[in-house]
Amino acid sequence: MLAEQYKKTKWVPPTVYTIAVLTSLSRLNDDQHWTSDVFAGAVIGYVTAKLVLKDTPRLMLKVTPEINGVSLMYNF
């Protein structure tokens, strides 16, 4: 979800995917999961994140130079 939400930031997607892969490799190395478990978990997590973010409104904070100061808006 973080990779999708911050995809415009160059370093976030590679960082979060690297952490996920290293965690998966660690679980395999420590005999805590089978390869099929890790693969299934990755697929379920990726698809679930895509489906959740597909219909989730985005709350954006926009600073305006007016007296009001801050305005909140939803983007769909």
PDB file of N, CA and C in Angstrom:
ATOM      1  N   MET A   1       0.827  -1.182   0.000  1.00  0.00           N
ATOM      2  CA  MET A   1       0.000   0.000   0.000  1.00  0.00           C
ATOM      3  C   MET A   1       0.876   1.252   0.000  1.00  0.00           C
ATOM      4  N   LEU A   2       1.959   1.212   0.742  1.00  0.00           N
ATOM      5  CA  LEU A   2       2.841   2.377   0.784  1.00  0.00           C
ATOM      6  C   LEU A   2       3.480   2.637  -0.578  1.00  0.00           C
ATOM      7  N   ALA A   3       3.854   1.578  -1.273  1.00  0.00           N
ATOM      8  CA  ALA A   3       4.467   1.742  -2.588  1.00  0.00           C
ATOM      9  C   ALA A   3       3.503   2.413  -3.555  1.00  0.00           C
ATOM     10  N   GLU A   4       2.241   2.082  -3.461  1.00  0.00           N
ATOM     11  CA  GLU A   4       1.240   2.679  -4.357  1.00  0.00           C
ATOM     12  C   GLU A   4       0.928   4.111  -3.954  1.00  0.00           C
ATOM     13  N   GLN A   5       0.799   4.359  -2.666  1.00  0.00           N
ATOM     14  CA  GLN A   5       0.447   5.696  -2.203  1.00  0.00           C
ATOM     15  C   GLN A   5       1.568   6.704  -2.439  1.00  0.00           C
ATOM     16  N   TYR A   6       2.812   6.241  -2.380  1.00  0.00           N
ATOM     17  CA  TYR A   6       3.954   7.141  -2.551  1.00  0.00           C
ATOM     18  C   TYR A   6       4.744   6.799  -3.804  1.00  0.00           C
ATOM     19  N   LYS A   7       4.047   6.388  -4.871  1.00  0.00           N
ATOM     20  CA  LYS A   7       4.745   5.969  -6.082  1.00  0.00           C
ATOM     21  C   LYS A   7       5.454   7.113  -6.795  1.00  0.00           C
ATOM     22  N   LYS A   8       5.079   8.337  -6.525  1.00  0.00           N
ATOM     23  CA  LYS A   8       5.754   9.478  -7.152  1.00  0.00           C
ATOM     24  C   LYS A   8       7.088   9.795  -6.476  1.00  0.00           C
ATOM     25  N   THR A   9       7.291   9.285  -5.286  1.00  0.00           N
ATOM     26  CA  THR A   9       8.565   9.443  -4.595  1.00  0.00           C
ATOM     27  C   THR A   9       9.471   8.302  -5.030  1.00  0.00           C
ATOM     28  N   LYS A  10      10.619   8.639  -5.597  1.00  0.00           N
ATOM     29  CA  LYS A  10      11.492   7.638  -6.210  1.00  0.00           C
ATOM     30  C   LYS A  10      11.924   6.520  -5.276  1.00  0.00           C
ATOM     31  N   TRP A  11      12.223   6.828  -4.046  1.00  0.00           N
ATOM     32  CA  TRP A  11      12.859   5.853  -3.168  1.00  0.00           C
ATOM     33  C   TRP A  11      11.883   4.993  -2.378  1.00  0.00           C
ATOM     34  N   VAL A  12      10.623   5.382  -2.268  1.00  0.00           N
ATOM     35  CA  VAL A  12       9.689   4.631  -1.419  1.00  0.00           C
ATOM     36  C   VAL A  12       9.358   3.247  -1.986  1.00  0.00           C
ATOM     37  N   PRO A  13       8.885   3.116  -3.243  1.00  0.00           N
ATOM     38  CA  PRO A  13       8.554   1.768  -3.730  1.00  0.00           C
ATOM     39  C   PRO A  13       9.716   0.769  -3.658  1.00  0.00           C
ATOM     40  N   PRO A  14      10.929   1.128  -4.127  1.00  0.00           N
ATOM     41  CA  PRO A  14      12.009   0.144  -4.005  1.00  0.00           C
ATOM     42  C   PRO A  14      12.336  -0.211  -2.552  1.00  0.00           C
ATOM     43  N   THR A  15      12.230   0.756  -1.670  1.00  0.00           N
ATOM     44  CA  THR A  15      12.546   0.514  -0.264  1.00  0.00           C
ATOM     45  C   THR A  15      11.546  -0.439   0.372  1.00  0.00           C
ATOM     46  N   VAL A  16      10.250  -0.192   0.189  1.00  0.00           N
ATOM     47  CA  VAL A  16       9.259  -1.041   0.842  1.00  0.00           C
ATOM     48  C   VAL A  16       9.231  -2.448   0.236  1.00  0.00           C
ATOM     49  N   TYR A  17       9.453  -2.557  -1.069  1.00  0.00           N
ATOM     50  CA  TYR A  17       9.496  -3.883  -1.679  1.00  0.00           C
ATOM     51  C   TYR A  17      10.760  -4.631  -1.246  1.00  0.00           C
ATOM     52  N   THR A  18      11.858  -3.921  -1.082  1.00  0.00           N
ATOM     53  CA  THR A  18      13.083  -4.561  -0.598  1.00  0.00           C
ATOM     54  C   THR A  18      12.891  -5.091   0.818  1.00  0.00           C
ATOM     55  N   ILE A  19      12.258  -4.307   1.669  1.00  0.00           N
ATOM     56  CA  ILE A  19      11.987  -4.755   3.034  1.00  0.00           C
ATOM     57  C   ILE A  19      11.096  -5.998   3.023  1.00  0.00           C
ATOM     58  N   ALA A  20      10.083  -6.003   2.162  1.00  0.00           N
ATOM     59  CA  ALA A  20       9.189  -7.161   2.078  1.00  0.00           C
ATOM     60  C   ALA A  20       9.930  -8.407   1.609  1.00  0.00           C
ATOM     61  N   VAL A  21      10.785  -8.249   0.605  1.00  0.00           N
ATOM     62  CA  VAL A  21      11.539  -9.400   0.090  1.00  0.00           C
ATOM     63  C   VAL A  21      12.517  -9.918   1.139  1.00  0.00           C
ATOM     64  N   LEU A  22      13.218  -9.018   1.811  1.00  0.00           N
ATOM     65  CA  LEU A  22      14.167  -9.446   2.838  1.00  0.00           C
ATOM     66  C   LEU A  22      13.461 -10.145   4.001  1.00  0.00           C
ATOM     67  N   THR A  23      12.293  -9.650   4.361  1.00  0.00           N
ATOM     68  CA  THR A  23      11.517 -10.306   5.413  1.00  0.00           C
ATOM     69  C   THR A  23      11.100 -11.711   4.974  1.00  0.00           C
ATOM     70  N   SER A  24      10.659 -11.828   3.735  1.00  0.00           N
ATOM     71  CA  SER A  24      10.264 -13.141   3.209  1.00  0.00           C
ATOM     72  C   SER A  24      11.442 -14.107   3.189  1.00  0.00           C
ATOM     73  N   LEU A  25      12.587 -13.632   2.731  1.00  0.00           N
ATOM     74  CA  LEU A  25      13.777 -14.485   2.691  1.00  0.00           C
ATOM     75  C   LEU A  25      14.207 -14.902   4.090  1.00  0.00           C
ATOM     76  N   SER A  26      14.068 -13.997   5.046  1.00  0.00           N
ATOM     77  CA  SER A  26      14.396 -14.314   6.424  1.00  0.00           C
ATOM     78  C   SER A  26      13.483 -15.406   6.976  1.00  0.00           C
ATOM     79  N   ARG A  27      12.182 -15.309   6.664  1.00  0.00           N
ATOM     80  CA  ARG A  27      11.227 -16.322   7.126  1.00  0.00           C
ATOM     81  C   ARG A  27      11.534 -17.681   6.505  1.00  0.00           C
ATOM     82  N   LEU A  28      11.943 -17.683   5.232  1.00  0.00           N
ATOM     83  CA  LEU A  28      12.320 -18.943   4.581  1.00  0.00           C
ATOM     84  C   LEU A  28      13.597 -19.512   5.195  1.00  0.00           C
ATOM     85  N   ASN A  29      14.558 -18.649   5.419  1.00  0.00           N
ATOM     86  CA  ASN A  29      15.842 -19.075   5.976  1.00  0.00           C
ATOM     87  C   ASN A  29      15.692 -19.669   7.370  1.00  0.00           C
ATOM     88  N   ASP A  30      14.797 -19.095   8.160  1.00  0.00           N
ATOM     89  CA  ASP A  30      14.600 -19.564   9.537  1.00  0.00           C
ATOM     90  C   ASP A  30      13.614 -20.730   9.624  1.00  0.00           C
ATOM     91  N   ASP A  31      13.211 -21.259   8.477  1.00  0.00           N
ATOM     92  CA  ASP A  31      12.242 -22.368   8.411  1.00  0.00           C
ATOM     93  C   ASP A  31      10.930 -22.048   9.125  1.00  0.00           C
ATOM     94  N   GLN A  32      10.500 -20.805   9.017  1.00  0.00           N
ATOM     95  CA  GLN A  32       9.230 -20.389   9.600  1.00  0.00           C
ATOM     96  C   GLN A  32       8.083 -20.516   8.594  1.00  0.00           C
ATOM     97  N   HIS A  33       8.411 -20.514   7.292  1.00  0.00           N
ATOM     98  CA  HIS A  33       7.400 -20.630   6.230  1.00  0.00           C
ATOM     99  C   HIS A  33       7.969 -21.432   5.078  1.00  0.00           C
ATOM    100  N   TRP A  34       7.053 -22.010   4.310  1.00  0.00           N
ATOM    101  CA  TRP A  34       7.436 -22.655   3.064  1.00  0.00           C
ATOM    102  C   TRP A  34       7.411 -21.615   1.956  1.00  0.00           C
ATOM    103  N   THR A  35       8.058 -21.932   0.840  1.00  0.00           N
ATOM    104  CA  THR A  35       8.081 -21.022  -0.306  1.00  0.00           C
ATOM    105  C   THR A  35       6.675 -20.737  -0.803  1.00  0.00           C
ATOM    106  N   SER A  36       5.828 -21.736  -0.821  1.00  0.00           N
ATOM    107  CA  SER A  36       4.450 -21.541  -1.280  1.00  0.00           C
ATOM    108  C   SER A  36       3.689 -20.570  -0.365  1.00  0.00           C
ATOM    109  N   ASP A  37       3.978 -20.614   0.941  1.00  0.00           N
ATOM    110  CA  ASP A  37       3.352 -19.674   1.884  1.00  0.00           C
ATOM    111  C   ASP A  37       3.747 -18.239   1.568  1.00  0.00           C
ATOM    112  N   VAL A  38       5.028 -18.054   1.341  1.00  0.00           N
ATOM    113  CA  VAL A  38       5.545 -16.712   1.064  1.00  0.00           C
ATOM    114  C   VAL A  38       4.963 -16.184  -0.241  1.00  0.00           C
ATOM    115  N   PHE A  39       4.937 -17.043  -1.257  1.00  0.00           N
ATOM    116  CA  PHE A  39       4.394 -16.617  -2.548  1.00  0.00           C
ATOM    117  C   PHE A  39       2.911 -16.279  -2.431  1.00  0.00           C
ATOM    118  N   ALA A  40       2.149 -17.140  -1.786  1.00  0.00           N
ATOM    119  CA  ALA A  40       0.717 -16.884  -1.619  1.00  0.00           C
ATOM    120  C   ALA A  40       0.468 -15.608  -0.813  1.00  0.00           C
ATOM    121  N   GLY A  41       1.247 -15.391   0.231  1.00  0.00           N
ATOM    122  CA  GLY A  41       1.105 -14.174   1.029  1.00  0.00           C
ATOM    123  C   GLY A  41       1.414 -12.915   0.235  1.00  0.00           C
ATOM    124  N   ALA A  42       2.428 -13.002  -0.612  1.00  0.00           N
ATOM    125  CA  ALA A  42       2.782 -11.851  -1.446  1.00  0.00           C
ATOM    126  C   ALA A  42       1.669 -11.534  -2.437  1.00  0.00           C
ATOM    127  N   VAL A  43       1.122 -12.564  -3.063  1.00  0.00           N
ATOM    128  CA  VAL A  43       0.038 -12.354  -4.026  1.00  0.00           C
ATOM    129  C   VAL A  43      -1.203 -11.798  -3.333  1.00  0.00           C
ATOM    130  N   ILE A  44      -1.571 -12.398  -2.206  1.00  0.00           N
ATOM    131  CA  ILE A  44      -2.745 -11.918  -1.470  1.00  0.00           C
ATOM    132  C   ILE A  44      -2.553 -10.480  -1.008  1.00  0.00           C
ATOM    133  N   GLY A  45      -1.385 -10.152  -0.479  1.00  0.00           N
ATOM    134  CA  GLY A  45      -1.119  -8.788  -0.022  1.00  0.00           C
ATOM    135  C   GLY A  45      -1.146  -7.775  -1.144  1.00  0.00           C
ATOM    136  N   TYR A  46      -0.543  -8.118  -2.276  1.00  0.00           N
ATOM    137  CA  TYR A  46      -0.494  -7.202  -3.418  1.00  0.00           C
ATOM    138  C   TYR A  46      -1.892  -6.954  -3.980  1.00  0.00           C
ATOM    139  N   VAL A  47      -2.648  -8.020  -4.205  1.00  0.00           N
ATOM    140  CA  VAL A  47      -3.995  -7.883  -4.781  1.00  0.00           C
ATOM    141  C   VAL A  47      -4.917  -7.148  -3.813  1.00  0.00           C
ATOM    142  N   THR A  48      -4.837  -7.467  -2.538  1.00  0.00           N
ATOM    143  CA  THR A  48      -5.670  -6.791  -1.545  1.00  0.00           C
ATOM    144  C   THR A  48      -5.365  -5.300  -1.492  1.00  0.00           C
ATOM    145  N   ALA A  49      -4.097  -4.944  -1.501  1.00  0.00           N
ATOM    146  CA  ALA A  49      -3.718  -3.527  -1.472  1.00  0.00           C
ATOM    147  C   ALA A  49      -4.239  -2.796  -2.705  1.00  0.00           C
ATOM    148  N   LYS A  50      -4.124  -3.409  -3.866  1.00  0.00           N
ATOM    149  CA  LYS A  50      -4.624  -2.786  -5.098  1.00  0.00           C
ATOM    150  C   LYS A  50      -6.134  -2.584  -5.032  1.00  0.00           C
ATOM    151  N   LEU A  51      -6.864  -3.590  -4.553  1.00  0.00           N
ATOM    152  CA  LEU A  51      -8.324  -3.472  -4.471  1.00  0.00           C
ATOM    153  C   LEU A  51      -8.753  -2.425  -3.453  1.00  0.00           C
ATOM    154  N   VAL A  52      -8.078  -2.370  -2.322  1.00  0.00           N
ATOM    155  CA  VAL A  52      -8.428  -1.389  -1.291  1.00  0.00           C
ATOM    156  C   VAL A  52      -8.138   0.030  -1.780  1.00  0.00           C
ATOM    157  N   LEU A  53      -6.996   0.219  -2.397  1.00  0.00           N
ATOM    158  CA  LEU A  53      -6.616   1.565  -2.831  1.00  0.00           C
ATOM    159  C   LEU A  53      -7.383   2.023  -4.064  1.00  0.00           C
ATOM    160  N   LYS A  54      -7.979   1.095  -4.793  1.00  0.00           N
ATOM    161  CA  LYS A  54      -8.713   1.449  -6.005  1.00  0.00           C
ATOM    162  C   LYS A  54      -9.885   2.376  -5.697  1.00  0.00           C
ATOM    163  N   ASP A  55     -10.607   2.107  -4.623  1.00  0.00           N
ATOM    164  CA  ASP A  55     -11.793   2.882  -4.293  1.00  0.00           C
ATOM    165  C   ASP A  55     -11.629   3.767  -3.071  1.00  0.00           C
ATOM    166  N   THR A  56     -10.411   3.922  -2.591  1.00  0.00           N
ATOM    167  CA  THR A  56     -10.177   4.719  -1.400  1.00  0.00           C
ATOM    168  C   THR A  56      -9.986   6.188  -1.774  1.00  0.00           C
ATOM    169  N   PRO A  57     -10.800   7.073  -1.200  1.00  0.00           N
ATOM    170  CA  PRO A  57     -10.583   8.496  -1.471  1.00  0.00           C
ATOM    171  C   PRO A  57      -9.268   8.959  -0.846  1.00  0.00           C
ATOM    172  N   ARG A  58      -8.645   9.901  -1.472  1.00  0.00           N
ATOM    173  CA  ARG A  58      -7.385  10.448  -0.975  1.00  0.00           C
ATOM    174  C   ARG A  58      -7.661  11.771  -0.276  1.00  0.00           C
ATOM    175  N   LEU A  59      -7.163  11.902   0.915  1.00  0.00           N
ATOM    176  CA  LEU A  59      -7.281  13.147   1.651  1.00  0.00           C
ATOM    177  C   LEU A  59      -6.011  13.937   1.418  1.00  0.00           C
ATOM    178  N   MET A  60      -6.153  15.109   0.846  1.00  0.00           N
ATOM    179  CA  MET A  60      -4.983  15.930   0.554  1.00  0.00           C
ATOM    180  C   MET A  60      -5.021  17.195   1.397  1.00  0.00           C
ATOM    181  N   LEU A  61      -3.881  17.606   1.851  1.00  0.00           N
ATOM    182  CA  LEU A  61      -3.745  18.825   2.630  1.00  0.00           C
ATOM    183  C   LEU A  61      -3.138  19.884   1.724  1.00  0.00           C
ATOM    184  N   LYS A  62      -3.842  20.969   1.546  1.00  0.00           N
ATOM    185  CA  LYS A  62      -3.371  22.021   0.646  1.00  0.00           C
ATOM    186  C   LYS A  62      -3.316  23.337   1.416  1.00  0.00           C
ATOM    187  N   VAL A  63      -2.160  23.926   1.460  1.00  0.00           N
ATOM    188  CA  VAL A  63      -1.988  25.206   2.139  1.00  0.00           C
ATOM    189  C   VAL A  63      -2.321  26.319   1.145  1.00  0.00           C
ATOM    190  N   THR A  64      -3.205  27.217   1.569  1.00  0.00           N
ATOM    191  CA  THR A  64      -3.592  28.329   0.710  1.00  0.00           C
ATOM    192  C   THR A  64      -3.087  29.627   1.305  1.00  0.00           C
ATOM    193  N   PRO A  65      -2.759  30.591   0.453  1.00  0.00           N
ATOM    194  CA  PRO A  65      -2.230  31.868   0.951  1.00  0.00           C
ATOM    195  C   PRO A  65      -3.305  32.811   1.500  1.00  0.00           C
ATOM    196  N   GLU A  66      -4.530  32.332   1.599  1.00  0.00           N
ATOM    197  CA  GLU A  66      -5.615  33.177   2.093  1.00  0.00           C
ATOM    198  C   GLU A  66      -5.620  33.214   3.623  1.00  0.00           C
ATOM    199  N   ILE A  67      -6.547  33.962   4.174  1.00  0.00           N
ATOM    200  CA  ILE A  67      -6.666  34.079   5.627  1.00  0.00           C
ATOM    201  C   ILE A  67      -7.037  32.733   6.247  1.00  0.00           C
ATOM    202  N   ASN A  68      -7.792  31.906   5.536  1.00  0.00           N
ATOM    203  CA  ASN A  68      -8.232  30.609   6.059  1.00  0.00           C
ATOM    204  C   ASN A  68      -7.046  29.725   6.414  1.00  0.00           C
ATOM    205  N   GLY A  69      -5.971  29.789   5.640  1.00  0.00           N
ATOM    206  CA  GLY A  69      -4.751  29.055   5.950  1.00  0.00           C
ATOM    207  C   GLY A  69      -4.669  27.668   5.360  1.00  0.00           C
ATOM    208  N   VAL A  70      -5.535  26.756   5.785  1.00  0.00           N
ATOM    209  CA  VAL A  70      -5.439  25.372   5.344  1.00  0.00           C
ATOM    210  C   VAL A  70      -6.811  24.905   4.870  1.00  0.00           C
ATOM    211  N   SER A  71      -6.827  24.198   3.753  1.00  0.00           N
ATOM    212  CA  SER A  71      -8.085  23.608   3.285  1.00  0.00           C
ATOM    213  C   SER A  71      -7.873  22.119   3.048  1.00  0.00           C
ATOM    214  N   LEU A  72      -8.908  21.339   3.312  1.00  0.00           N
ATOM    215  CA  LEU A  72      -8.863  19.899   3.096  1.00  0.00           C
ATOM    216  C   LEU A  72      -9.745  19.561   1.902  1.00  0.00           C
ATOM    217  N   MET A  73      -9.285  18.654   1.061  1.00  0.00           N
ATOM    218  CA  MET A  73     -10.109  18.246  -0.069  1.00  0.00           C
ATOM    219  C   MET A  73      -9.930  16.766  -0.338  1.00  0.00           C
ATOM    220  N   TYR A  74     -10.980  16.148  -0.834  1.00  0.00           N
ATOM    221  CA  TYR A  74     -10.955  14.734  -1.231  1.00  0.00           C
ATOM    222  C   TYR A  74     -10.706  14.629  -2.714  1.00  0.00           C
ATOM    223  N   ASN A  75      -9.867  13.702  -3.111  1.00  0.00           N
ATOM    224  CA  ASN A  75      -9.672  13.363  -4.517  1.00  0.00           C
ATOM    225  C   ASN A  75     -10.108  11.926  -4.713  1.00  0.00           C
ATOM    226  N   PHE A  76     -10.898  11.681  -5.717  1.00  0.00           N
ATOM    227  CA  PHE A  76     -11.358  10.327  -6.016  1.00  0.00           C
ATOM    228  C   PHE A  76     -10.706   9.837  -7.283  1.00  0.00           C
TER     229      PHE A  76
END
